[in-house]
Amino acid sequence: MKKILALMMAVLFMANVAYGADDCKNRGTLDERFCDENMDLVADTPKDQKKWKDPKTLVFTYTPVEDPAVYKDAFADFQKYLSKATGKKVVYYTVQANAAEVEAMRSGRLHIAGFSTGPTGFAVNLAGYVPIAVKGTEDSFQGYNLLLVTRKDSDIKKIEDIKGKRIAHTSASSNSGNLAPRAIFPQYGIVPDKDYTVVYSGKHDQSILGVAHGDYDAAPVAGDVFKRMAKAGRINVDDFRIIFTSEKFPTSSFGYAHDLKPELAKKIVDAFYSYRFTPVMQETFGGADRFVPVTYQKDWKVIRDIASSTGTSYNQAGLKKMAAKDAAKAAKKKAKKAEKAKKQ
């Protein structure tokens, strides 16, 4: 009887422990380790203060790039500013791939980071990342829009008019040139491949020039490419009609790990918002001069919609797919460099 009673007590104890560990009222799409009771789509600060982290040294990184030294140098002044604001040493940690950056925060080795637009969703769901800012200016955050352009003399006046037309998408993997229109246009009753013929041009500039020359009836393209071509004199803006402009797609996000001590997290947030870029940073980041406040819930909605429409899930399986793509791209680049070296 005593053994049975002891067993029952043990079961009750384990049940209480499990409940205490999983008393989350809402988790949404977040990993089971996180909770989102305020419904803002990012992980809440842990309720248990014992889980709050207050490291002596803060580890910071920016999205992996071909030449990491460029960005490490560019962020040097900001790291000093962040160190002074938090009273802690701040070190730069170079990552080689997007998946590795997500894993670094998930494992607790990374405290503050800049993630690329797409990987931001994986970092939020799998690593407890809290995006708070993007690069920008006093007027707006840095980003780009999807534009649907046609010739000025075209009979296409609104998005619905592209039905039955020949429309240039750029390439299968392009965000604004293919994935975004496939996610956004159906919201206006227009389904690519069904309501109009999709023709892949290869590049944004080729889509734009193709429209200008009459090869295509219209084309969804990146707004920043369109502007650059106009500025360079390659096209005349007056020759085009823009019949649709999407919400702005944010560029890389910046934020912190959800389990940092609240007082420390606030100092980090305040540092981001009060810092002004050095001339070197402004040159490196296309004229941006500050970190502009954003929220994952509002400003990443268009990115989440695109991910959903293309079957991308911000889970471990999705992260593995992203890692495989990154590895394939890296291998391709390496092979091209090797081939180039042989010819020299």
C-alpha atoms as a PDB file:
ATOM      1  CA  MET A   1       0.000   0.000   0.000  1.00  0.00           C
ATOM      2  CA  LYS A   2       2.837   2.344   0.899  1.00  0.00           C
ATOM      3  CA  LYS A   3       4.476   1.601  -2.446  1.00  0.00           C
ATOM      4  CA  ILE A   4       1.224   2.349  -4.289  1.00  0.00           C
ATOM      5  CA  LEU A   5       0.762   5.594  -2.323  1.00  0.00           C
ATOM      6  CA  ALA A   6       4.338   6.589  -3.031  1.00  0.00           C
ATOM      7  CA  LEU A   7       3.843   5.871  -6.724  1.00  0.00           C
ATOM      8  CA  MET A   8       0.655   7.957  -6.801  1.00  0.00           C
ATOM      9  CA  MET A   9       2.421  10.846  -5.076  1.00  0.00           C
ATOM     10  CA  ALA A  10       5.245  10.609  -7.599  1.00  0.00           C
ATOM     11  CA  VAL A  11       2.799  10.706 -10.507  1.00  0.00           C
ATOM     12  CA  LEU A  12       1.032  13.743  -9.011  1.00  0.00           C
ATOM     13  CA  PHE A  13       4.369  15.456  -8.465  1.00  0.00           C
ATOM     14  CA  MET A  14       5.449  14.847 -12.053  1.00  0.00           C
ATOM     15  CA  ALA A  15       2.089  16.102 -13.290  1.00  0.00           C
ATOM     16  CA  ASN A  16       2.534  19.321 -11.294  1.00  0.00           C
ATOM     17  CA  VAL A  17       6.042  19.748 -12.634  1.00  0.00           C
ATOM     18  CA  ALA A  18       4.800  19.231 -16.189  1.00  0.00           C
ATOM     19  CA  TYR A  19       1.995  21.729 -15.659  1.00  0.00           C
ATOM     20  CA  GLY A  20       4.377  24.235 -14.167  1.00  0.00           C
ATOM     21  CA  ALA A  21       6.646  23.822 -17.163  1.00  0.00           C
ATOM     22  CA  ASP A  22       3.818  24.049 -19.653  1.00  0.00           C
ATOM     23  CA  ASP A  23       1.283  26.490 -18.238  1.00  0.00           C
ATOM     24  CA  CYS A  24       1.394  28.556 -21.408  1.00  0.00           C
ATOM     25  CA  LYS A  25      -2.030  29.789 -22.511  1.00  0.00           C
ATOM     26  CA  ASN A  26      -0.925  30.555 -26.060  1.00  0.00           C
ATOM     27  CA  ARG A  27       2.060  29.427 -28.075  1.00  0.00           C
ATOM     28  CA  GLY A  28       0.893  29.996 -31.645  1.00  0.00           C
ATOM     29  CA  THR A  29       3.467  28.808 -34.166  1.00  0.00           C
ATOM     30  CA  LEU A  30       6.385  29.166 -31.751  1.00  0.00           C
ATOM     31  CA  ASP A  31       8.565  26.266 -30.695  1.00  0.00           C
ATOM     32  CA  GLU A  32       7.306  24.398 -27.620  1.00  0.00           C
ATOM     33  CA  ARG A  33       9.995  26.018 -25.475  1.00  0.00           C
ATOM     34  CA  PHE A  34       8.401  29.457 -25.896  1.00  0.00           C
ATOM     35  CA  CYS A  35       5.162  31.170 -24.967  1.00  0.00           C
ATOM     36  CA  ASP A  36       3.218  34.033 -26.573  1.00  0.00           C
ATOM     37  CA  GLU A  37       0.477  35.028 -24.157  1.00  0.00           C
ATOM     38  CA  ASN A  38       0.441  38.669 -25.294  1.00  0.00           C
ATOM     39  CA  MET A  39      -0.299  37.439 -28.843  1.00  0.00           C
ATOM     40  CA  ASP A  40       2.390  39.521 -30.572  1.00  0.00           C
ATOM     41  CA  LEU A  41       3.788  36.439 -32.407  1.00  0.00           C
ATOM     42  CA  VAL A  42       7.179  36.520 -30.641  1.00  0.00           C
ATOM     43  CA  ALA A  43       8.335  34.709 -27.511  1.00  0.00           C
ATOM     44  CA  ASP A  44       7.469  36.290 -24.163  1.00  0.00           C
ATOM     45  CA  THR A  45      10.061  36.871 -21.476  1.00  0.00           C
ATOM     46  CA  PRO A  46      10.085  33.694 -19.327  1.00  0.00           C
ATOM     47  CA  LYS A  47       7.815  33.894 -16.276  1.00  0.00           C
ATOM     48  CA  ASP A  48      10.435  32.112 -14.186  1.00  0.00           C
ATOM     49  CA  GLN A  49      13.070  34.712 -13.297  1.00  0.00           C
ATOM     50  CA  LYS A  50      15.616  31.932 -12.874  1.00  0.00           C
ATOM     51  CA  LYS A  51      15.543  31.564 -16.662  1.00  0.00           C
ATOM     52  CA  TRP A  52      16.459  35.206 -17.266  1.00  0.00           C
ATOM     53  CA  LYS A  53      19.968  35.668 -18.661  1.00  0.00           C
ATOM     54  CA  ASP A  54      22.307  38.479 -17.654  1.00  0.00           C
ATOM     55  CA  PRO A  55      25.628  37.561 -19.318  1.00  0.00           C
ATOM     56  CA  LYS A  56      28.830  39.449 -18.573  1.00  0.00           C
ATOM     57  CA  THR A  57      29.652  39.481 -22.274  1.00  0.00           C
ATOM     58  CA  LEU A  58      27.050  40.115 -24.959  1.00  0.00           C
ATOM     59  CA  VAL A  59      27.528  38.329 -28.288  1.00  0.00           C
ATOM     60  CA  PHE A  60      26.408  40.185 -31.417  1.00  0.00           C
ATOM     61  CA  THR A  61      26.371  39.257 -35.101  1.00  0.00           C
ATOM     62  CA  TYR A  62      24.972  40.320 -38.450  1.00  0.00           C
ATOM     63  CA  THR A  63      23.543  38.111 -41.177  1.00  0.00           C
ATOM     64  CA  PRO A  64      26.198  35.957 -42.918  1.00  0.00           C
ATOM     65  CA  VAL A  65      27.769  37.575 -45.985  1.00  0.00           C
ATOM     66  CA  GLU A  66      30.578  36.733 -48.383  1.00  0.00           C
ATOM     67  CA  ASP A  67      32.985  39.167 -46.718  1.00  0.00           C
ATOM     68  CA  PRO A  68      32.075  39.299 -42.997  1.00  0.00           C
ATOM     69  CA  ALA A  69      34.995  41.594 -42.187  1.00  0.00           C
ATOM     70  CA  VAL A  70      33.208  44.467 -43.954  1.00  0.00           C
ATOM     71  CA  TYR A  71      30.247  44.329 -41.595  1.00  0.00           C
ATOM     72  CA  LYS A  72      32.308  43.534 -38.535  1.00  0.00           C
ATOM     73  CA  ASP A  73      34.193  46.780 -39.124  1.00  0.00           C
ATOM     74  CA  ALA A  74      31.021  48.699 -39.956  1.00  0.00           C
ATOM     75  CA  PHE A  75      29.381  47.729 -36.652  1.00  0.00           C
ATOM     76  CA  ALA A  76      32.484  48.416 -34.523  1.00  0.00           C
ATOM     77  CA  ASP A  77      31.282  51.851 -33.378  1.00  0.00           C
ATOM     78  CA  PHE A  78      27.786  50.550 -32.622  1.00  0.00           C
ATOM     79  CA  GLN A  79      29.266  47.764 -30.506  1.00  0.00           C
ATOM     80  CA  LYS A  80      31.116  50.352 -28.424  1.00  0.00           C
ATOM     81  CA  TYR A  81      27.880  52.308 -28.034  1.00  0.00           C
ATOM     82  CA  LEU A  82      26.019  49.158 -27.038  1.00  0.00           C
ATOM     83  CA  SER A  83      28.740  48.285 -24.544  1.00  0.00           C
ATOM     84  CA  LYS A  84      28.520  51.707 -22.904  1.00  0.00           C
ATOM     85  CA  ALA A  85      24.702  51.570 -22.791  1.00  0.00           C
ATOM     86  CA  THR A  86      24.590  48.125 -21.174  1.00  0.00           C
ATOM     87  CA  GLY A  87      27.767  48.249 -19.109  1.00  0.00           C
ATOM     88  CA  LYS A  88      28.885  44.985 -20.675  1.00  0.00           C
ATOM     89  CA  LYS A  89      31.537  43.814 -23.064  1.00  0.00           C
ATOM     90  CA  VAL A  90      30.157  43.255 -26.581  1.00  0.00           C
ATOM     91  CA  VAL A  91      31.914  40.894 -28.993  1.00  0.00           C
ATOM     92  CA  TYR A  92      31.242  40.151 -32.654  1.00  0.00           C
ATOM     93  CA  TYR A  93      30.582  36.534 -33.588  1.00  0.00           C
ATOM     94  CA  THR A  94      30.934  35.654 -37.276  1.00  0.00           C
ATOM     95  CA  VAL A  95      28.411  33.129 -38.623  1.00  0.00           C
ATOM     96  CA  GLN A  96      28.804  31.257 -41.891  1.00  0.00           C
ATOM     97  CA  ALA A  97      25.161  30.495 -42.715  1.00  0.00           C
ATOM     98  CA  ASN A  98      21.624  31.604 -41.865  1.00  0.00           C
ATOM     99  CA  ALA A  99      20.761  28.293 -40.226  1.00  0.00           C
ATOM    100  CA  ALA A 100      23.915  28.508 -38.096  1.00  0.00           C
ATOM    101  CA  GLU A 101      22.886  31.979 -36.923  1.00  0.00           C
ATOM    102  CA  VAL A 102      19.441  30.696 -35.897  1.00  0.00           C
ATOM    103  CA  GLU A 103      21.011  27.781 -34.038  1.00  0.00           C
ATOM    104  CA  ALA A 104      23.483  30.076 -32.269  1.00  0.00           C
ATOM    105  CA  MET A 105      20.621  32.079 -30.735  1.00  0.00           C
ATOM    106  CA  ARG A 106      18.557  28.969 -30.053  1.00  0.00           C
ATOM    107  CA  SER A 107      21.442  27.453 -28.091  1.00  0.00           C
ATOM    108  CA  GLY A 108      22.006  30.641 -26.081  1.00  0.00           C
ATOM    109  CA  ARG A 109      25.390  31.492 -27.638  1.00  0.00           C
ATOM    110  CA  LEU A 110      24.040  34.597 -29.381  1.00  0.00           C
ATOM    111  CA  HIS A 111      22.279  37.455 -27.599  1.00  0.00           C
ATOM    112  CA  ILE A 112      21.847  40.263 -30.149  1.00  0.00           C
ATOM    113  CA  ALA A 113      21.674  39.867 -33.906  1.00  0.00           C
ATOM    114  CA  GLY A 114      20.741  41.090 -37.338  1.00  0.00           C
ATOM    115  CA  PHE A 115      18.893  38.437 -39.377  1.00  0.00           C
ATOM    116  CA  SER A 116      18.104  38.558 -43.083  1.00  0.00           C
ATOM    117  CA  THR A 117      14.463  39.092 -44.059  1.00  0.00           C
ATOM    118  CA  GLY A 118      13.560  35.439 -44.712  1.00  0.00           C
ATOM    119  CA  PRO A 119      15.487  33.818 -41.836  1.00  0.00           C
ATOM    120  CA  THR A 120      13.911  36.275 -39.371  1.00  0.00           C
ATOM    121  CA  GLY A 121      10.803  34.055 -39.209  1.00  0.00           C
ATOM    122  CA  PHE A 122      12.877  30.985 -38.368  1.00  0.00           C
ATOM    123  CA  ALA A 123      14.743  32.910 -35.671  1.00  0.00           C
ATOM    124  CA  VAL A 124      11.455  34.074 -34.124  1.00  0.00           C
ATOM    125  CA  ASN A 125       9.780  30.659 -34.087  1.00  0.00           C
ATOM    126  CA  LEU A 126      12.750  28.430 -33.310  1.00  0.00           C
ATOM    127  CA  ALA A 127      15.208  30.597 -31.367  1.00  0.00           C
ATOM    128  CA  GLY A 128      13.061  32.988 -29.342  1.00  0.00           C
ATOM    129  CA  TYR A 129      14.303  35.980 -31.292  1.00  0.00           C
ATOM    130  CA  VAL A 130      12.561  39.335 -30.736  1.00  0.00           C
ATOM    131  CA  PRO A 131      12.921  41.696 -33.754  1.00  0.00           C
ATOM    132  CA  ILE A 132      12.828  45.371 -32.777  1.00  0.00           C
ATOM    133  CA  ALA A 133      14.376  47.365 -35.613  1.00  0.00           C
ATOM    134  CA  VAL A 134      15.518  47.638 -39.217  1.00  0.00           C
ATOM    135  CA  LYS A 135      17.909  50.069 -40.860  1.00  0.00           C
ATOM    136  CA  GLY A 136      16.404  53.290 -42.150  1.00  0.00           C
ATOM    137  CA  THR A 137      16.135  57.052 -41.936  1.00  0.00           C
ATOM    138  CA  GLU A 138      13.967  59.575 -40.126  1.00  0.00           C
ATOM    139  CA  ASP A 139      11.351  59.195 -42.870  1.00  0.00           C
ATOM    140  CA  SER A 140      11.012  55.418 -43.098  1.00  0.00           C
ATOM    141  CA  PHE A 141      12.671  52.065 -42.657  1.00  0.00           C
ATOM    142  CA  GLN A 142      14.900  50.687 -45.410  1.00  0.00           C
ATOM    143  CA  GLY A 143      13.151  48.276 -47.724  1.00  0.00           C
ATOM    144  CA  TYR A 144      11.613  47.888 -51.143  1.00  0.00           C
ATOM    145  CA  ASN A 145       8.200  47.446 -52.743  1.00  0.00           C
ATOM    146  CA  LEU A 146       6.858  45.167 -55.408  1.00  0.00           C
ATOM    147  CA  LEU A 147       5.790  47.289 -58.383  1.00  0.00           C
ATOM    148  CA  LEU A 148       3.567  46.061 -61.197  1.00  0.00           C
ATOM    149  CA  VAL A 149       4.638  48.102 -64.218  1.00  0.00           C
ATOM    150  CA  THR A 150       3.281  48.410 -67.738  1.00  0.00           C
ATOM    151  CA  ARG A 151       3.791  50.801 -70.646  1.00  0.00           C
ATOM    152  CA  LYS A 152       2.209  54.230 -70.369  1.00  0.00           C
ATOM    153  CA  ASP A 153       0.271  53.617 -73.597  1.00  0.00           C
ATOM    154  CA  SER A 154      -1.024  50.223 -72.426  1.00  0.00           C
ATOM    155  CA  ASP A 155      -4.710  49.504 -71.905  1.00  0.00           C
ATOM    156  CA  ILE A 156      -3.804  48.033 -68.510  1.00  0.00           C
ATOM    157  CA  LYS A 157      -4.960  50.535 -65.900  1.00  0.00           C
ATOM    158  CA  LYS A 158      -5.424  48.356 -62.799  1.00  0.00           C
ATOM    159  CA  ILE A 159      -4.255  44.990 -61.532  1.00  0.00           C
ATOM    160  CA  GLU A 160      -7.414  43.210 -62.715  1.00  0.00           C
ATOM    161  CA  ASP A 161      -6.583  44.232 -66.292  1.00  0.00           C
ATOM    162  CA  ILE A 162      -3.651  41.815 -66.513  1.00  0.00           C
ATOM    163  CA  LYS A 163      -6.052  38.882 -66.965  1.00  0.00           C
ATOM    164  CA  GLY A 164      -5.281  37.082 -70.181  1.00  0.00           C
ATOM    165  CA  LYS A 165      -2.032  38.987 -70.637  1.00  0.00           C
ATOM    166  CA  ARG A 166       1.596  37.960 -71.001  1.00  0.00           C
ATOM    167  CA  ILE A 167       3.324  38.930 -67.738  1.00  0.00           C
ATOM    168  CA  ALA A 168       7.066  38.734 -67.038  1.00  0.00           C
ATOM    169  CA  HIS A 169       8.159  37.240 -63.721  1.00  0.00           C
ATOM    170  CA  THR A 170      11.905  37.321 -63.082  1.00  0.00           C
ATOM    171  CA  SER A 171      12.926  33.886 -61.766  1.00  0.00           C
ATOM    172  CA  ALA A 172      11.382  31.146 -59.660  1.00  0.00           C
ATOM    173  CA  SER A 173      13.358  32.042 -56.530  1.00  0.00           C
ATOM    174  CA  SER A 174      12.899  35.827 -56.726  1.00  0.00           C
ATOM    175  CA  ASN A 175      10.879  37.375 -53.895  1.00  0.00           C
ATOM    176  CA  SER A 176       9.447  40.512 -55.498  1.00  0.00           C
ATOM    177  CA  GLY A 177       9.755  39.116 -59.021  1.00  0.00           C
ATOM    178  CA  ASN A 178       7.854  35.862 -58.460  1.00  0.00           C
ATOM    179  CA  LEU A 179       7.085  34.682 -54.915  1.00  0.00           C
ATOM    180  CA  ALA A 180       5.473  37.932 -53.765  1.00  0.00           C
ATOM    181  CA  PRO A 181       3.100  38.304 -56.743  1.00  0.00           C
ATOM    182  CA  ARG A 182       2.073  34.667 -56.346  1.00  0.00           C
ATOM    183  CA  ALA A 183       1.200  35.426 -52.710  1.00  0.00           C
ATOM    184  CA  ILE A 184      -0.288  38.907 -53.135  1.00  0.00           C
ATOM    185  CA  PHE A 185      -2.103  38.935 -56.492  1.00  0.00           C
ATOM    186  CA  PRO A 186      -4.646  36.238 -55.514  1.00  0.00           C
ATOM    187  CA  GLN A 187      -5.861  38.637 -52.804  1.00  0.00           C
ATOM    188  CA  TYR A 188      -7.047  40.807 -55.710  1.00  0.00           C
ATOM    189  CA  GLY A 189      -8.641  37.929 -57.593  1.00  0.00           C
ATOM    190  CA  ILE A 190      -5.679  37.383 -59.917  1.00  0.00           C
ATOM    191  CA  VAL A 191      -3.915  34.000 -59.901  1.00  0.00           C
ATOM    192  CA  PRO A 192      -0.604  33.737 -61.810  1.00  0.00           C
ATOM    193  CA  ASP A 193      -0.470  30.945 -64.437  1.00  0.00           C
ATOM    194  CA  LYS A 194      -4.267  30.707 -64.286  1.00  0.00           C
ATOM    195  CA  ASP A 195      -5.439  34.252 -65.031  1.00  0.00           C
ATOM    196  CA  TYR A 196      -2.397  35.285 -67.029  1.00  0.00           C
ATOM    197  CA  THR A 197       0.591  33.690 -68.761  1.00  0.00           C
ATOM    198  CA  VAL A 198       3.820  33.776 -66.751  1.00  0.00           C
ATOM    199  CA  VAL A 199       7.014  34.251 -68.753  1.00  0.00           C
ATOM    200  CA  TYR A 200      10.321  34.201 -66.860  1.00  0.00           C
ATOM    201  CA  SER A 201      12.677  36.980 -67.967  1.00  0.00           C
ATOM    202  CA  GLY A 202      15.630  36.049 -65.764  1.00  0.00           C
ATOM    203  CA  LYS A 203      16.218  39.412 -64.092  1.00  0.00           C
ATOM    204  CA  HIS A 204      14.354  42.504 -62.893  1.00  0.00           C
ATOM    205  CA  ASP A 205      16.034  44.803 -65.396  1.00  0.00           C
ATOM    206  CA  GLN A 206      15.193  42.411 -68.221  1.00  0.00           C
ATOM    207  CA  SER A 207      11.542  42.411 -67.154  1.00  0.00           C
ATOM    208  CA  ILE A 208      11.488  46.220 -67.079  1.00  0.00           C
ATOM    209  CA  LEU A 209      13.233  46.610 -70.435  1.00  0.00           C
ATOM    210  CA  GLY A 210      11.009  43.877 -71.883  1.00  0.00           C
ATOM    211  CA  VAL A 211       7.915  45.841 -70.879  1.00  0.00           C
ATOM    212  CA  ALA A 212       9.392  49.017 -72.372  1.00  0.00           C
ATOM    213  CA  HIS A 213      10.071  47.232 -75.683  1.00  0.00           C
ATOM    214  CA  GLY A 214       6.655  45.608 -75.784  1.00  0.00           C
ATOM    215  CA  ASP A 215       7.894  42.035 -75.218  1.00  0.00           C
ATOM    216  CA  TYR A 216       5.676  41.712 -72.138  1.00  0.00           C
ATOM    217  CA  ASP A 217       2.374  43.359 -71.259  1.00  0.00           C
ATOM    218  CA  ALA A 218       3.438  44.034 -67.659  1.00  0.00           C
ATOM    219  CA  ALA A 219       5.851  42.840 -64.991  1.00  0.00           C
ATOM    220  CA  PRO A 220       6.121  42.636 -61.198  1.00  0.00           C
ATOM    221  CA  VAL A 221       9.544  44.016 -60.242  1.00  0.00           C
ATOM    222  CA  ALA A 222      11.510  45.317 -57.263  1.00  0.00           C
ATOM    223  CA  GLY A 223      10.910  49.025 -56.742  1.00  0.00           C
ATOM    224  CA  ASP A 224      14.533  49.754 -55.881  1.00  0.00           C
ATOM    225  CA  VAL A 225      15.732  48.225 -59.168  1.00  0.00           C
ATOM    226  CA  PHE A 226      13.210  50.320 -61.111  1.00  0.00           C
ATOM    227  CA  LYS A 227      14.425  53.498 -59.387  1.00  0.00           C
ATOM    228  CA  ARG A 228      18.106  52.654 -59.926  1.00  0.00           C
ATOM    229  CA  MET A 229      17.520  52.073 -63.643  1.00  0.00           C
ATOM    230  CA  ALA A 230      15.720  55.401 -63.936  1.00  0.00           C
ATOM    231  CA  LYS A 231      18.479  57.210 -62.034  1.00  0.00           C
ATOM    232  CA  ALA A 232      21.115  55.634 -64.286  1.00  0.00           C
ATOM    233  CA  GLY A 233      19.217  56.767 -67.380  1.00  0.00           C
ATOM    234  CA  ARG A 234      18.518  53.235 -68.594  1.00  0.00           C
ATOM    235  CA  ILE A 235      14.776  53.885 -68.651  1.00  0.00           C
ATOM    236  CA  ASN A 236      12.478  56.890 -68.761  1.00  0.00           C
ATOM    237  CA  VAL A 237       9.946  56.763 -65.932  1.00  0.00           C
ATOM    238  CA  ASP A 238       7.448  58.652 -68.108  1.00  0.00           C
ATOM    239  CA  ASP A 239       7.313  55.644 -70.448  1.00  0.00           C
ATOM    240  CA  PHE A 240       5.786  53.492 -67.690  1.00  0.00           C
ATOM    241  CA  ARG A 241       2.607  53.262 -65.665  1.00  0.00           C
ATOM    242  CA  ILE A 242       2.811  51.755 -62.174  1.00  0.00           C
ATOM    243  CA  ILE A 243      -0.530  50.035 -61.600  1.00  0.00           C
ATOM    244  CA  PHE A 244       0.207  48.401 -58.259  1.00  0.00           C
ATOM    245  CA  THR A 245       2.547  49.040 -55.334  1.00  0.00           C
ATOM    246  CA  SER A 246       2.808  46.552 -52.478  1.00  0.00           C
ATOM    247  CA  GLU A 247       3.529  47.233 -48.846  1.00  0.00           C
ATOM    248  CA  LYS A 248       7.211  47.764 -48.199  1.00  0.00           C
ATOM    249  CA  PHE A 249       9.253  44.594 -47.686  1.00  0.00           C
ATOM    250  CA  PRO A 250      11.640  45.103 -44.755  1.00  0.00           C
ATOM    251  CA  THR A 251      15.325  44.376 -45.068  1.00  0.00           C
ATOM    252  CA  SER A 252      17.305  42.589 -42.369  1.00  0.00           C
ATOM    253  CA  SER A 253      15.916  42.833 -38.841  1.00  0.00           C
ATOM    254  CA  PHE A 254      17.750  43.505 -35.580  1.00  0.00           C
ATOM    255  CA  GLY A 255      16.760  42.260 -32.158  1.00  0.00           C
ATOM    256  CA  TYR A 256      17.631  40.246 -29.072  1.00  0.00           C
ATOM    257  CA  ALA A 257      17.058  36.888 -27.380  1.00  0.00           C
ATOM    258  CA  HIS A 258      13.735  36.723 -25.528  1.00  0.00           C
ATOM    259  CA  ASP A 259      15.228  35.384 -22.289  1.00  0.00           C
ATOM    260  CA  LEU A 260      17.534  38.288 -21.526  1.00  0.00           C
ATOM    261  CA  LYS A 261      16.854  39.996 -18.205  1.00  0.00           C
ATOM    262  CA  PRO A 262      14.144  42.652 -18.842  1.00  0.00           C
ATOM    263  CA  GLU A 263      16.311  45.507 -17.541  1.00  0.00           C
ATOM    264  CA  LEU A 264      19.110  44.444 -19.893  1.00  0.00           C
ATOM    265  CA  ALA A 265      16.722  44.017 -22.818  1.00  0.00           C
ATOM    266  CA  LYS A 266      15.425  47.563 -22.295  1.00  0.00           C
ATOM    267  CA  LYS A 267      18.946  48.979 -22.347  1.00  0.00           C
ATOM    268  CA  ILE A 268      19.589  47.141 -25.614  1.00  0.00           C
ATOM    269  CA  VAL A 269      16.364  48.432 -27.173  1.00  0.00           C
ATOM    270  CA  ASP A 270      17.094  51.997 -26.044  1.00  0.00           C
ATOM    271  CA  ALA A 271      20.602  51.765 -27.490  1.00  0.00           C
ATOM    272  CA  PHE A 272      19.295  50.676 -30.890  1.00  0.00           C
ATOM    273  CA  TYR A 273      16.763  53.488 -31.050  1.00  0.00           C
ATOM    274  CA  SER A 274      19.069  56.271 -29.877  1.00  0.00           C
ATOM    275  CA  TYR A 275      22.146  55.349 -31.939  1.00  0.00           C
ATOM    276  CA  ARG A 276      22.993  57.245 -35.132  1.00  0.00           C
ATOM    277  CA  PHE A 277      25.131  55.646 -37.830  1.00  0.00           C
ATOM    278  CA  THR A 278      28.691  56.731 -38.505  1.00  0.00           C
ATOM    279  CA  PRO A 279      29.586  57.844 -42.059  1.00  0.00           C
ATOM    280  CA  VAL A 280      31.112  54.403 -42.624  1.00  0.00           C
ATOM    281  CA  MET A 281      27.874  52.675 -41.637  1.00  0.00           C
ATOM    282  CA  GLN A 282      25.823  55.045 -43.782  1.00  0.00           C
ATOM    283  CA  GLU A 283      27.974  54.246 -46.792  1.00  0.00           C
ATOM    284  CA  THR A 284      27.891  50.512 -46.084  1.00  0.00           C
ATOM    285  CA  PHE A 285      24.126  50.423 -45.649  1.00  0.00           C
ATOM    286  CA  GLY A 286      22.959  52.523 -48.565  1.00  0.00           C
ATOM    287  CA  GLY A 287      22.352  55.819 -46.798  1.00  0.00           C
ATOM    288  CA  ALA A 288      20.534  54.480 -43.742  1.00  0.00           C
ATOM    289  CA  ASP A 289      21.452  56.551 -40.679  1.00  0.00           C
ATOM    290  CA  ARG A 290      19.605  54.862 -37.813  1.00  0.00           C
ATOM    291  CA  PHE A 291      17.704  51.842 -36.538  1.00  0.00           C
ATOM    292  CA  VAL A 292      13.966  52.308 -37.073  1.00  0.00           C
ATOM    293  CA  PRO A 293      11.471  50.607 -34.699  1.00  0.00           C
ATOM    294  CA  VAL A 294       9.425  47.754 -36.201  1.00  0.00           C
ATOM    295  CA  THR A 295       7.347  44.849 -34.951  1.00  0.00           C
ATOM    296  CA  TYR A 296       7.353  41.317 -36.274  1.00  0.00           C
ATOM    297  CA  GLN A 297       3.569  41.133 -36.070  1.00  0.00           C
ATOM    298  CA  LYS A 298       2.920  44.159 -38.310  1.00  0.00           C
ATOM    299  CA  ASP A 299       5.992  44.748 -40.452  1.00  0.00           C
ATOM    300  CA  TRP A 300       6.744  41.099 -41.252  1.00  0.00           C
ATOM    301  CA  LYS A 301       3.155  40.208 -42.200  1.00  0.00           C
ATOM    302  CA  VAL A 302       3.806  40.457 -45.925  1.00  0.00           C
ATOM    303  CA  ILE A 303       6.869  38.208 -45.538  1.00  0.00           C
ATOM    304  CA  ARG A 304       4.867  35.657 -43.538  1.00  0.00           C
ATOM    305  CA  ASP A 305       2.125  35.716 -46.185  1.00  0.00           C
ATOM    306  CA  ILE A 306       4.670  35.009 -48.903  1.00  0.00           C
ATOM    307  CA  ALA A 307       6.205  32.188 -46.876  1.00  0.00           C
ATOM    308  CA  SER A 308       2.775  30.665 -46.287  1.00  0.00           C
ATOM    309  CA  SER A 309       1.771  30.857 -49.940  1.00  0.00           C
ATOM    310  CA  THR A 310       5.001  29.181 -51.042  1.00  0.00           C
ATOM    311  CA  GLY A 311       4.745  26.378 -48.487  1.00  0.00           C
ATOM    312  CA  THR A 312       7.564  27.612 -46.259  1.00  0.00           C
ATOM    313  CA  SER A 313       7.089  26.635 -42.609  1.00  0.00           C
ATOM    314  CA  TYR A 314       9.145  28.272 -39.887  1.00  0.00           C
ATOM    315  CA  ASN A 315       9.939  24.962 -38.203  1.00  0.00           C
ATOM    316  CA  GLN A 316      12.894  22.583 -38.022  1.00  0.00           C
ATOM    317  CA  ALA A 317      12.006  20.943 -41.333  1.00  0.00           C
ATOM    318  CA  GLY A 318      11.859  24.350 -43.005  1.00  0.00           C
ATOM    319  CA  LEU A 319      15.169  25.336 -41.425  1.00  0.00           C
ATOM    320  CA  LYS A 320      16.799  22.183 -42.813  1.00  0.00           C
ATOM    321  CA  LYS A 321      15.536  23.070 -46.291  1.00  0.00           C
ATOM    322  CA  MET A 322      16.956  26.571 -45.935  1.00  0.00           C
ATOM    323  CA  ALA A 323      20.276  25.154 -44.746  1.00  0.00           C
ATOM    324  CA  ALA A 324      20.375  22.813 -47.746  1.00  0.00           C
ATOM    325  CA  LYS A 325      19.745  25.728 -50.130  1.00  0.00           C
ATOM    326  CA  ASP A 326      22.468  27.781 -48.430  1.00  0.00           C
ATOM    327  CA  ALA A 327      24.900  24.876 -48.748  1.00  0.00           C
ATOM    328  CA  ALA A 328      24.045  24.396 -52.418  1.00  0.00           C
ATOM    329  CA  LYS A 329      24.608  28.105 -53.136  1.00  0.00           C
ATOM    330  CA  ALA A 330      27.921  28.051 -51.275  1.00  0.00           C
ATOM    331  CA  ALA A 331      29.055  24.978 -53.208  1.00  0.00           C
ATOM    332  CA  LYS A 332      28.081  26.612 -56.499  1.00  0.00           C
ATOM    333  CA  LYS A 333      30.029  29.762 -55.657  1.00  0.00           C
ATOM    334  CA  LYS A 334      33.037  27.709 -54.632  1.00  0.00           C
ATOM    335  CA  ALA A 335      32.908  25.748 -57.888  1.00  0.00           C
ATOM    336  CA  LYS A 336      32.727  28.970 -59.926  1.00  0.00           C
ATOM    337  CA  LYS A 337      35.722  30.416 -58.087  1.00  0.00           C
ATOM    338  CA  ALA A 338      37.689  27.218 -58.687  1.00  0.00           C
ATOM    339  CA  GLU A 339      36.784  27.236 -62.366  1.00  0.00           C
ATOM    340  CA  LYS A 340      37.763  30.892 -62.662  1.00  0.00           C
ATOM    341  CA  ALA A 341      41.095  30.202 -60.941  1.00  0.00           C
ATOM    342  CA  LYS A 342      41.847  27.424 -63.425  1.00  0.00           C
ATOM    343  CA  LYS A 343      41.321  29.719 -66.390  1.00  0.00           C
ATOM    344  CA  GLN A 344      43.662  32.389 -65.009  1.00  0.00           C
END
